[in-house]
């Protein structure tokens, strides 16, 4: 793809995002993500503890959140994770985490599905209301289960990477590279999640190539955004400006930025799909 085409795709994506007034949808999406965050943490630790010690999983989560939130919030988060019961086997804690995740994260995916259907101009179904609601709920449930499974895999792998890096630190000078492999793992998991979302949630046929392209762009921007928020929090004293609420401003910024990126990624997937469709049409007409 030529540089001019990349620029055209980027401009078209941002114009489409603005025309759909996606800032409001991003705000609604970030609200639902914030509500689902405790359930995601509970589920990650509960399920991850089936394969690793809960302390290792907690360290992995705290390492990932490091820099995004203030020390006071990090202390509260550490207390929340530490006070969770051990789960050496399937237990009430793991089941509770799964049920909370299904309910809270289900709201996130239902909201995102509405947004996807709107930007793809999917006509509202005129069928039975109860049936449509059950279908949307089923798709959201499937997405949540896949989402929870990917979170568990990502958490376990990152914990393993972190533990391996610490164990090998005294023996191998380049062992720190292993820790950065956790970031790569998280990136791959994000790509897989969004590929699944773009293929399943919208009521349109999205090609695998478009889903992979859109998911890669989305995951890349989310990853870059995390480090940008960490950099901002490191060199700014928000607590002196906003008081006690400044301690959570990094987390709110990260969630809101991620929500904006998710809607932009959806717009890019649509624009890129239209771009490939136009290329195929022109190729057919000339051949």
C-alpha atoms as a PDB file:
ATOM      1  CA  UNK A   1       0.000   0.000   0.000  1.00  0.00           C
ATOM      2  CA  UNK A   2       1.337   3.437  -0.974  1.00  0.00           C
ATOM      3  CA  UNK A   3       1.885   6.230   1.547  1.00  0.00           C
ATOM      4  CA  UNK A   4      -0.790   8.302  -0.188  1.00  0.00           C
ATOM      5  CA  UNK A   5      -3.345   5.536   0.293  1.00  0.00           C
ATOM      6  CA  UNK A   6      -2.446   5.238   3.982  1.00  0.00           C
ATOM      7  CA  UNK A   7      -2.968   8.976   4.431  1.00  0.00           C
ATOM      8  CA  UNK A   8      -6.276   8.789   2.575  1.00  0.00           C
ATOM      9  CA  UNK A   9      -7.448   5.935   4.817  1.00  0.00           C
ATOM     10  CA  UNK A  10      -6.452   7.844   7.957  1.00  0.00           C
ATOM     11  CA  UNK A  11      -8.216  11.038   6.862  1.00  0.00           C
ATOM     12  CA  UNK A  12     -11.343   9.142   5.790  1.00  0.00           C
ATOM     13  CA  UNK A  13     -11.396   7.277   9.104  1.00  0.00           C
ATOM     14  CA  UNK A  14     -11.200  10.455  11.179  1.00  0.00           C
ATOM     15  CA  UNK A  15     -13.855  12.189   9.042  1.00  0.00           C
ATOM     16  CA  UNK A  16     -16.202   9.236   9.361  1.00  0.00           C
ATOM     17  CA  UNK A  17     -15.531   9.061  13.114  1.00  0.00           C
ATOM     18  CA  UNK A  18     -16.384  12.747  13.495  1.00  0.00           C
ATOM     19  CA  UNK A  19     -19.493  12.536  11.290  1.00  0.00           C
ATOM     20  CA  UNK A  20     -20.879   9.702  13.411  1.00  0.00           C
ATOM     21  CA  UNK A  21     -20.380  11.831  16.556  1.00  0.00           C
ATOM     22  CA  UNK A  22     -18.406   9.004  18.050  1.00  0.00           C
ATOM     23  CA  UNK A  23     -17.116  11.025  20.996  1.00  0.00           C
ATOM     24  CA  UNK A  24     -20.450  10.474  22.772  1.00  0.00           C
ATOM     25  CA  UNK A  25     -20.317   6.735  22.091  1.00  0.00           C
ATOM     26  CA  UNK A  26     -16.734   6.656  23.358  1.00  0.00           C
ATOM     27  CA  UNK A  27     -17.828   8.290  26.613  1.00  0.00           C
ATOM     28  CA  UNK A  28     -20.640   5.754  27.079  1.00  0.00           C
ATOM     29  CA  UNK A  29     -18.262   2.899  26.298  1.00  0.00           C
ATOM     30  CA  UNK A  30     -15.682   4.159  28.803  1.00  0.00           C
ATOM     31  CA  UNK A  31     -18.386   4.330  31.489  1.00  0.00           C
ATOM     32  CA  UNK A  32     -19.311   0.678  30.975  1.00  0.00           C
ATOM     33  CA  UNK A  33     -15.625  -0.339  30.888  1.00  0.00           C
ATOM     34  CA  UNK A  34     -15.033   1.446  34.187  1.00  0.00           C
ATOM     35  CA  UNK A  35     -17.986  -0.362  35.759  1.00  0.00           C
ATOM     36  CA  UNK A  36     -16.717  -3.729  34.520  1.00  0.00           C
ATOM     37  CA  UNK A  37     -13.122  -3.189  35.743  1.00  0.00           C
ATOM     38  CA  UNK A  38     -13.583  -4.747  39.234  1.00  0.00           C
ATOM     39  CA  UNK A  39     -15.229  -7.823  37.699  1.00  0.00           C
ATOM     40  CA  UNK A  40     -12.384  -8.159  35.187  1.00  0.00           C
ATOM     41  CA  UNK A  41      -9.804  -8.016  37.989  1.00  0.00           C
ATOM     42  CA  UNK A  42     -11.742 -10.513  40.102  1.00  0.00           C
ATOM     43  CA  UNK A  43     -12.119 -12.919  37.193  1.00  0.00           C
ATOM     44  CA  UNK A  44      -8.461 -12.607  36.150  1.00  0.00           C
ATOM     45  CA  UNK A  45      -7.098 -13.359  39.608  1.00  0.00           C
ATOM     46  CA  UNK A  46      -9.619 -16.116  40.343  1.00  0.00           C
ATOM     47  CA  UNK A  47      -9.082 -17.995  37.087  1.00  0.00           C
ATOM     48  CA  UNK A  48      -5.357 -17.264  36.880  1.00  0.00           C
ATOM     49  CA  UNK A  49      -4.920 -18.745  40.362  1.00  0.00           C
ATOM     50  CA  UNK A  50      -6.020 -22.113  38.984  1.00  0.00           C
ATOM     51  CA  UNK A  51      -2.695 -22.282  37.117  1.00  0.00           C
ATOM     52  CA  UNK A  52      -0.396 -20.037  39.155  1.00  0.00           C
ATOM     53  CA  UNK A  53      -0.216 -18.726  42.690  1.00  0.00           C
ATOM     54  CA  UNK A  54      -2.550 -15.785  43.175  1.00  0.00           C
ATOM     55  CA  UNK A  55       0.431 -13.669  44.255  1.00  0.00           C
ATOM     56  CA  UNK A  56       2.073 -14.138  40.850  1.00  0.00           C
ATOM     57  CA  UNK A  57      -1.107 -13.115  39.038  1.00  0.00           C
ATOM     58  CA  UNK A  58      -1.531 -10.090  41.288  1.00  0.00           C
ATOM     59  CA  UNK A  59       2.066  -9.014  40.660  1.00  0.00           C
ATOM     60  CA  UNK A  60       1.464  -9.285  36.914  1.00  0.00           C
ATOM     61  CA  UNK A  61      -1.655  -7.099  37.107  1.00  0.00           C
ATOM     62  CA  UNK A  62       0.047  -4.512  39.323  1.00  0.00           C
ATOM     63  CA  UNK A  63       3.057  -4.467  36.987  1.00  0.00           C
ATOM     64  CA  UNK A  64       0.780  -3.799  34.015  1.00  0.00           C
ATOM     65  CA  UNK A  65      -1.084  -1.005  35.833  1.00  0.00           C
ATOM     66  CA  UNK A  66       2.129   0.550  37.121  1.00  0.00           C
ATOM     67  CA  UNK A  67       2.506   4.199  36.142  1.00  0.00           C
ATOM     68  CA  UNK A  68      -1.082   4.538  34.923  1.00  0.00           C
ATOM     69  CA  UNK A  69      -2.521   5.109  38.404  1.00  0.00           C
ATOM     70  CA  UNK A  70      -1.250   7.048  41.391  1.00  0.00           C
ATOM     71  CA  UNK A  71       0.460   5.360  44.346  1.00  0.00           C
ATOM     72  CA  UNK A  72      -2.629   5.749  46.541  1.00  0.00           C
ATOM     73  CA  UNK A  73      -4.814   4.015  43.958  1.00  0.00           C
ATOM     74  CA  UNK A  74      -2.133   1.372  43.472  1.00  0.00           C
ATOM     75  CA  UNK A  75      -2.226   0.737  47.218  1.00  0.00           C
ATOM     76  CA  UNK A  76      -6.000   0.327  47.152  1.00  0.00           C
ATOM     77  CA  UNK A  77      -5.758  -1.957  44.138  1.00  0.00           C
ATOM     78  CA  UNK A  78      -3.110  -4.058  45.874  1.00  0.00           C
ATOM     79  CA  UNK A  79      -5.312  -4.320  48.984  1.00  0.00           C
ATOM     80  CA  UNK A  80      -8.271  -5.361  46.818  1.00  0.00           C
ATOM     81  CA  UNK A  81      -6.256  -8.117  45.142  1.00  0.00           C
ATOM     82  CA  UNK A  82      -4.557  -9.253  48.352  1.00  0.00           C
ATOM     83  CA  UNK A  83      -7.833  -9.668  50.240  1.00  0.00           C
ATOM     84  CA  UNK A  84      -9.296 -11.910  47.567  1.00  0.00           C
ATOM     85  CA  UNK A  85      -9.625 -15.546  48.662  1.00  0.00           C
ATOM     86  CA  UNK A  86      -7.231 -18.156  47.303  1.00  0.00           C
ATOM     87  CA  UNK A  87      -8.653 -20.300  44.529  1.00  0.00           C
ATOM     88  CA  UNK A  88      -6.725 -23.522  44.260  1.00  0.00           C
ATOM     89  CA  UNK A  89      -9.671 -25.077  42.466  1.00  0.00           C
ATOM     90  CA  UNK A  90     -12.973 -24.019  40.959  1.00  0.00           C
ATOM     91  CA  UNK A  91     -14.748 -22.154  43.739  1.00  0.00           C
ATOM     92  CA  UNK A  92     -17.449 -19.660  44.569  1.00  0.00           C
ATOM     93  CA  UNK A  93     -14.974 -16.826  44.025  1.00  0.00           C
ATOM     94  CA  UNK A  94     -14.228 -17.923  40.449  1.00  0.00           C
ATOM     95  CA  UNK A  95     -17.934 -18.437  39.730  1.00  0.00           C
ATOM     96  CA  UNK A  96     -18.791 -15.035  41.190  1.00  0.00           C
ATOM     97  CA  UNK A  97     -16.075 -13.426  39.106  1.00  0.00           C
ATOM     98  CA  UNK A  98     -17.416 -15.065  35.946  1.00  0.00           C
ATOM     99  CA  UNK A  99     -21.022 -14.007  36.634  1.00  0.00           C
ATOM    100  CA  UNK A 100     -20.004 -10.425  37.391  1.00  0.00           C
ATOM    101  CA  UNK A 101     -17.873 -10.367  34.259  1.00  0.00           C
ATOM    102  CA  UNK A 102     -20.750 -11.677  32.129  1.00  0.00           C
ATOM    103  CA  UNK A 103     -23.115  -9.007  33.439  1.00  0.00           C
ATOM    104  CA  UNK A 104     -20.801  -5.981  33.462  1.00  0.00           C
ATOM    105  CA  UNK A 105     -18.699  -6.728  30.381  1.00  0.00           C
ATOM    106  CA  UNK A 106     -21.868  -7.779  28.564  1.00  0.00           C
ATOM    107  CA  UNK A 107     -23.021  -4.163  28.824  1.00  0.00           C
ATOM    108  CA  UNK A 108     -19.758  -3.057  27.206  1.00  0.00           C
ATOM    109  CA  UNK A 109     -20.183  -5.350  24.219  1.00  0.00           C
ATOM    110  CA  UNK A 110     -23.893  -4.563  23.800  1.00  0.00           C
ATOM    111  CA  UNK A 111     -23.027  -0.872  23.683  1.00  0.00           C
ATOM    112  CA  UNK A 112     -20.222  -1.529  21.194  1.00  0.00           C
ATOM    113  CA  UNK A 113     -22.484  -3.712  19.043  1.00  0.00           C
ATOM    114  CA  UNK A 114     -24.979  -0.846  18.770  1.00  0.00           C
ATOM    115  CA  UNK A 115     -22.168   1.423  17.657  1.00  0.00           C
ATOM    116  CA  UNK A 116     -20.888  -1.068  15.070  1.00  0.00           C
ATOM    117  CA  UNK A 117     -24.362  -1.601  13.633  1.00  0.00           C
ATOM    118  CA  UNK A 118     -24.871   2.164  13.396  1.00  0.00           C
ATOM    119  CA  UNK A 119     -21.635   2.964  11.560  1.00  0.00           C
ATOM    120  CA  UNK A 120     -22.191   0.020   9.207  1.00  0.00           C
ATOM    121  CA  UNK A 121     -25.750   1.352   8.658  1.00  0.00           C
ATOM    122  CA  UNK A 122     -27.352  -1.940   9.623  1.00  0.00           C
ATOM    123  CA  UNK A 123     -31.156  -1.493   9.498  1.00  0.00           C
ATOM    124  CA  UNK A 124     -32.945  -2.041  12.774  1.00  0.00           C
ATOM    125  CA  UNK A 125     -34.515  -5.468  12.916  1.00  0.00           C
ATOM    126  CA  UNK A 126     -38.308  -5.432  12.784  1.00  0.00           C
ATOM    127  CA  UNK A 127     -38.645  -8.961  14.101  1.00  0.00           C
ATOM    128  CA  UNK A 128     -39.750 -10.104  17.506  1.00  0.00           C
ATOM    129  CA  UNK A 129     -38.308  -7.833  20.215  1.00  0.00           C
ATOM    130  CA  UNK A 130     -37.750 -10.652  22.696  1.00  0.00           C
ATOM    131  CA  UNK A 131     -35.986 -12.766  20.063  1.00  0.00           C
ATOM    132  CA  UNK A 132     -33.716  -9.893  18.990  1.00  0.00           C
ATOM    133  CA  UNK A 133     -32.869  -9.170  22.612  1.00  0.00           C
ATOM    134  CA  UNK A 134     -32.028 -12.810  23.285  1.00  0.00           C
ATOM    135  CA  UNK A 135     -29.825 -12.956  20.164  1.00  0.00           C
ATOM    136  CA  UNK A 136     -27.936  -9.812  21.175  1.00  0.00           C
ATOM    137  CA  UNK A 137     -27.561 -11.169  24.697  1.00  0.00           C
ATOM    138  CA  UNK A 138     -26.267 -14.492  23.353  1.00  0.00           C
ATOM    139  CA  UNK A 139     -23.683 -12.797  21.134  1.00  0.00           C
ATOM    140  CA  UNK A 140     -22.614 -10.601  24.055  1.00  0.00           C
ATOM    141  CA  UNK A 141     -22.362 -13.673  26.291  1.00  0.00           C
ATOM    142  CA  UNK A 142     -20.182 -15.510  23.764  1.00  0.00           C
ATOM    143  CA  UNK A 143     -17.971 -12.434  23.388  1.00  0.00           C
ATOM    144  CA  UNK A 144     -17.645 -12.078  27.160  1.00  0.00           C
ATOM    145  CA  UNK A 145     -16.651 -15.744  27.541  1.00  0.00           C
ATOM    146  CA  UNK A 146     -13.997 -15.354  24.815  1.00  0.00           C
ATOM    147  CA  UNK A 147     -12.907 -12.066  26.383  1.00  0.00           C
ATOM    148  CA  UNK A 148     -12.589 -13.680  29.811  1.00  0.00           C
ATOM    149  CA  UNK A 149     -10.646 -16.596  28.387  1.00  0.00           C
ATOM    150  CA  UNK A 150      -8.211 -14.297  26.596  1.00  0.00           C
ATOM    151  CA  UNK A 151      -7.761 -12.233  29.751  1.00  0.00           C
ATOM    152  CA  UNK A 152      -6.955 -15.380  31.687  1.00  0.00           C
ATOM    153  CA  UNK A 153      -4.434 -16.550  29.078  1.00  0.00           C
ATOM    154  CA  UNK A 154      -2.850 -13.097  28.883  1.00  0.00           C
ATOM    155  CA  UNK A 155      -2.611 -12.784  32.679  1.00  0.00           C
ATOM    156  CA  UNK A 156      -1.085 -16.229  33.093  1.00  0.00           C
ATOM    157  CA  UNK A 157       1.455 -15.685  30.298  1.00  0.00           C
ATOM    158  CA  UNK A 158       2.461 -12.263  31.596  1.00  0.00           C
ATOM    159  CA  UNK A 159       2.854 -13.667  35.097  1.00  0.00           C
ATOM    160  CA  UNK A 160       5.052 -16.447  33.721  1.00  0.00           C
ATOM    161  CA  UNK A 161       7.145 -13.924  31.788  1.00  0.00           C
ATOM    162  CA  UNK A 162       7.550 -11.715  34.851  1.00  0.00           C
ATOM    163  CA  UNK A 163       8.494 -14.652  37.080  1.00  0.00           C
ATOM    164  CA  UNK A 164      10.962 -16.030  34.520  1.00  0.00           C
ATOM    165  CA  UNK A 165      12.602 -12.639  34.142  1.00  0.00           C
ATOM    166  CA  UNK A 166      13.128 -12.344  37.884  1.00  0.00           C
ATOM    167  CA  UNK A 167      14.436 -15.897  38.273  1.00  0.00           C
ATOM    168  CA  UNK A 168      16.910 -15.597  35.395  1.00  0.00           C
ATOM    169  CA  UNK A 169      18.055 -12.102  36.249  1.00  0.00           C
ATOM    170  CA  UNK A 170      21.047 -13.346  38.243  1.00  0.00           C
ATOM    171  CA  UNK A 171      22.134 -15.792  35.541  1.00  0.00           C
ATOM    172  CA  UNK A 172      21.488 -14.093  32.210  1.00  0.00           C
ATOM    173  CA  UNK A 173      22.256 -10.424  31.518  1.00  0.00           C
ATOM    174  CA  UNK A 174      19.558 -10.183  28.854  1.00  0.00           C
ATOM    175  CA  UNK A 175      16.792 -11.796  30.919  1.00  0.00           C
ATOM    176  CA  UNK A 176      14.944  -8.464  31.067  1.00  0.00           C
ATOM    177  CA  UNK A 177      13.921  -9.022  27.466  1.00  0.00           C
ATOM    178  CA  UNK A 178      11.660 -11.831  28.663  1.00  0.00           C
ATOM    179  CA  UNK A 179       9.638  -9.340  30.673  1.00  0.00           C
ATOM    180  CA  UNK A 180       8.978  -7.242  27.576  1.00  0.00           C
ATOM    181  CA  UNK A 181       7.641 -10.358  25.909  1.00  0.00           C
ATOM    182  CA  UNK A 182       4.650  -9.917  28.213  1.00  0.00           C
ATOM    183  CA  UNK A 183       3.822  -6.673  26.406  1.00  0.00           C
ATOM    184  CA  UNK A 184       3.973  -8.499  23.082  1.00  0.00           C
ATOM    185  CA  UNK A 185       1.701 -11.194  24.505  1.00  0.00           C
ATOM    186  CA  UNK A 186      -0.814  -8.597  25.685  1.00  0.00           C
ATOM    187  CA  UNK A 187      -0.716  -6.987  22.226  1.00  0.00           C
ATOM    188  CA  UNK A 188      -1.404 -10.304  20.473  1.00  0.00           C
ATOM    189  CA  UNK A 189      -4.273 -11.053  22.857  1.00  0.00           C
ATOM    190  CA  UNK A 190      -5.796  -7.627  22.124  1.00  0.00           C
ATOM    191  CA  UNK A 191      -5.554  -8.273  18.380  1.00  0.00           C
ATOM    192  CA  UNK A 192      -7.239 -11.665  18.776  1.00  0.00           C
ATOM    193  CA  UNK A 193     -10.019 -10.134  20.880  1.00  0.00           C
ATOM    194  CA  UNK A 194     -10.836  -7.400  18.366  1.00  0.00           C
ATOM    195  CA  UNK A 195     -10.642  -9.800  15.418  1.00  0.00           C
ATOM    196  CA  UNK A 196     -13.282 -11.911  17.134  1.00  0.00           C
ATOM    197  CA  UNK A 197     -15.397  -8.826  17.940  1.00  0.00           C
ATOM    198  CA  UNK A 198     -15.324  -7.475  14.373  1.00  0.00           C
ATOM    199  CA  UNK A 199     -16.212 -10.878  12.950  1.00  0.00           C
ATOM    200  CA  UNK A 200     -19.039 -11.678  15.394  1.00  0.00           C
ATOM    201  CA  UNK A 201     -20.674  -8.555  16.834  1.00  0.00           C
ATOM    202  CA  UNK A 202     -21.771  -6.464  13.800  1.00  0.00           C
ATOM    203  CA  UNK A 203     -24.649  -7.761  11.710  1.00  0.00           C
ATOM    204  CA  UNK A 204     -22.556  -7.500   8.528  1.00  0.00           C
ATOM    205  CA  UNK A 205     -19.999  -9.714   6.833  1.00  0.00           C
ATOM    206  CA  UNK A 206     -16.497  -8.439   7.614  1.00  0.00           C
ATOM    207  CA  UNK A 207     -13.617 -10.150   5.861  1.00  0.00           C
ATOM    208  CA  UNK A 208     -10.845 -11.649   7.950  1.00  0.00           C
ATOM    209  CA  UNK A 209      -8.261  -9.359   6.336  1.00  0.00           C
ATOM    210  CA  UNK A 210     -10.214  -6.243   7.325  1.00  0.00           C
ATOM    211  CA  UNK A 211     -10.784  -7.561  10.846  1.00  0.00           C
ATOM    212  CA  UNK A 212      -7.071  -8.275  11.318  1.00  0.00           C
ATOM    213  CA  UNK A 213      -6.056  -4.865   9.936  1.00  0.00           C
ATOM    214  CA  UNK A 214      -8.545  -2.991  12.114  1.00  0.00           C
ATOM    215  CA  UNK A 215      -7.663  -5.039  15.187  1.00  0.00           C
ATOM    216  CA  UNK A 216      -3.932  -4.452  14.730  1.00  0.00           C
ATOM    217  CA  UNK A 217      -4.422  -0.699  14.428  1.00  0.00           C
ATOM    218  CA  UNK A 218      -6.680  -0.658  17.500  1.00  0.00           C
ATOM    219  CA  UNK A 219      -4.326  -2.764  19.638  1.00  0.00           C
ATOM    220  CA  UNK A 220      -1.317  -0.691  18.558  1.00  0.00           C
ATOM    221  CA  UNK A 221      -2.981   2.617  19.490  1.00  0.00           C
ATOM    222  CA  UNK A 222      -4.169   1.227  22.837  1.00  0.00           C
ATOM    223  CA  UNK A 223      -0.647   0.035  23.669  1.00  0.00           C
ATOM    224  CA  UNK A 224       0.911   3.361  22.652  1.00  0.00           C
ATOM    225  CA  UNK A 225      -1.746   5.178  24.671  1.00  0.00           C
ATOM    226  CA  UNK A 226      -0.858   3.291  27.826  1.00  0.00           C
ATOM    227  CA  UNK A 227       2.767   4.386  27.631  1.00  0.00           C
ATOM    228  CA  UNK A 228       1.678   7.954  26.803  1.00  0.00           C
ATOM    229  CA  UNK A 229      -0.489   8.055  29.943  1.00  0.00           C
ATOM    230  CA  UNK A 230       2.392   6.611  32.000  1.00  0.00           C
ATOM    231  CA  UNK A 231       4.706   9.322  30.642  1.00  0.00           C
ATOM    232  CA  UNK A 232       2.116  12.023  31.399  1.00  0.00           C
ATOM    233  CA  UNK A 233       1.533  10.770  34.951  1.00  0.00           C
ATOM    234  CA  UNK A 234       5.271  10.560  35.599  1.00  0.00           C
ATOM    235  CA  UNK A 235       5.992  14.194  34.718  1.00  0.00           C
ATOM    236  CA  UNK A 236       2.811  15.852  36.035  1.00  0.00           C
ATOM    237  CA  UNK A 237       1.633  16.455  39.579  1.00  0.00           C
ATOM    238  CA  UNK A 238      -2.107  15.983  39.216  1.00  0.00           C
ATOM    239  CA  UNK A 239      -2.763  15.629  42.939  1.00  0.00           C
ATOM    240  CA  UNK A 240      -1.643  19.215  43.539  1.00  0.00           C
ATOM    241  CA  UNK A 241      -4.121  20.457  40.935  1.00  0.00           C
ATOM    242  CA  UNK A 242      -7.121  18.169  41.376  1.00  0.00           C
ATOM    243  CA  UNK A 243      -6.598  17.073  44.984  1.00  0.00           C
ATOM    244  CA  UNK A 244      -7.488  13.510  45.914  1.00  0.00           C
ATOM    245  CA  UNK A 245      -9.274  12.892  42.597  1.00  0.00           C
ATOM    246  CA  UNK A 246      -5.958  13.447  40.847  1.00  0.00           C
ATOM    247  CA  UNK A 247      -4.878  10.008  42.066  1.00  0.00           C
ATOM    248  CA  UNK A 248      -7.373   8.291  39.750  1.00  0.00           C
ATOM    249  CA  UNK A 249      -7.122  10.682  36.813  1.00  0.00           C
ATOM    250  CA  UNK A 250      -4.549   8.488  35.062  1.00  0.00           C
ATOM    251  CA  UNK A 251      -6.862   5.484  35.125  1.00  0.00           C
ATOM    252  CA  UNK A 252      -9.781   7.564  33.833  1.00  0.00           C
ATOM    253  CA  UNK A 253      -7.635   9.038  31.066  1.00  0.00           C
ATOM    254  CA  UNK A 254      -6.446   5.609  30.009  1.00  0.00           C
ATOM    255  CA  UNK A 255      -9.974   4.156  29.907  1.00  0.00           C
ATOM    256  CA  UNK A 256     -11.377   7.155  28.028  1.00  0.00           C
ATOM    257  CA  UNK A 257      -8.498   7.176  25.545  1.00  0.00           C
ATOM    258  CA  UNK A 258      -8.896   3.420  24.994  1.00  0.00           C
ATOM    259  CA  UNK A 259     -12.626   3.890  24.336  1.00  0.00           C
ATOM    260  CA  UNK A 260     -11.893   6.589  21.752  1.00  0.00           C
ATOM    261  CA  UNK A 261      -9.310   4.334  20.095  1.00  0.00           C
ATOM    262  CA  UNK A 262     -11.779   1.429  20.007  1.00  0.00           C
ATOM    263  CA  UNK A 263     -14.364   3.526  18.134  1.00  0.00           C
ATOM    264  CA  UNK A 264     -11.677   4.872  15.779  1.00  0.00           C
ATOM    265  CA  UNK A 265     -10.509   1.306  15.147  1.00  0.00           C
ATOM    266  CA  UNK A 266     -14.061   0.301  14.268  1.00  0.00           C
ATOM    267  CA  UNK A 267     -14.298   3.216  11.837  1.00  0.00           C
ATOM    268  CA  UNK A 268     -10.962   2.236  10.282  1.00  0.00           C
ATOM    269  CA  UNK A 269     -12.174  -1.335   9.804  1.00  0.00           C
ATOM    270  CA  UNK A 270     -15.256  -0.038   7.963  1.00  0.00           C
ATOM    271  CA  UNK A 271     -13.273   2.434   5.839  1.00  0.00           C
ATOM    272  CA  UNK A 272     -10.636  -0.184   4.982  1.00  0.00           C
ATOM    273  CA  UNK A 273     -13.347  -2.660   4.034  1.00  0.00           C
ATOM    274  CA  UNK A 274     -14.863  -0.090   1.679  1.00  0.00           C
ATOM    275  CA  UNK A 275     -11.399   0.655   0.280  1.00  0.00           C
ATOM    276  CA  UNK A 276     -10.789  -3.015  -0.580  1.00  0.00           C
ATOM    277  CA  UNK A 277     -14.287  -3.296  -2.022  1.00  0.00           C
ATOM    278  CA  UNK A 278     -13.665  -0.325  -4.338  1.00  0.00           C
ATOM    279  CA  UNK A 279     -10.352  -1.864  -5.460  1.00  0.00           C
ATOM    280  CA  UNK A 280     -12.089  -5.130  -6.311  1.00  0.00           C
ATOM    281  CA  UNK A 281     -14.806  -3.299  -8.249  1.00  0.00           C
ATOM    282  CA  UNK A 282     -12.279  -1.273 -10.257  1.00  0.00           C
ATOM    283  CA  UNK A 283     -10.238  -4.405 -10.953  1.00  0.00           C
ATOM    284  CA  UNK A 284     -13.355  -6.212 -12.181  1.00  0.00           C
ATOM    285  CA  UNK A 285     -14.336  -3.324 -14.452  1.00  0.00           C
ATOM    286  CA  UNK A 286     -10.871  -3.084 -16.039  1.00  0.00           C
ATOM    287  CA  UNK A 287     -10.426  -6.812 -16.565  1.00  0.00           C
END
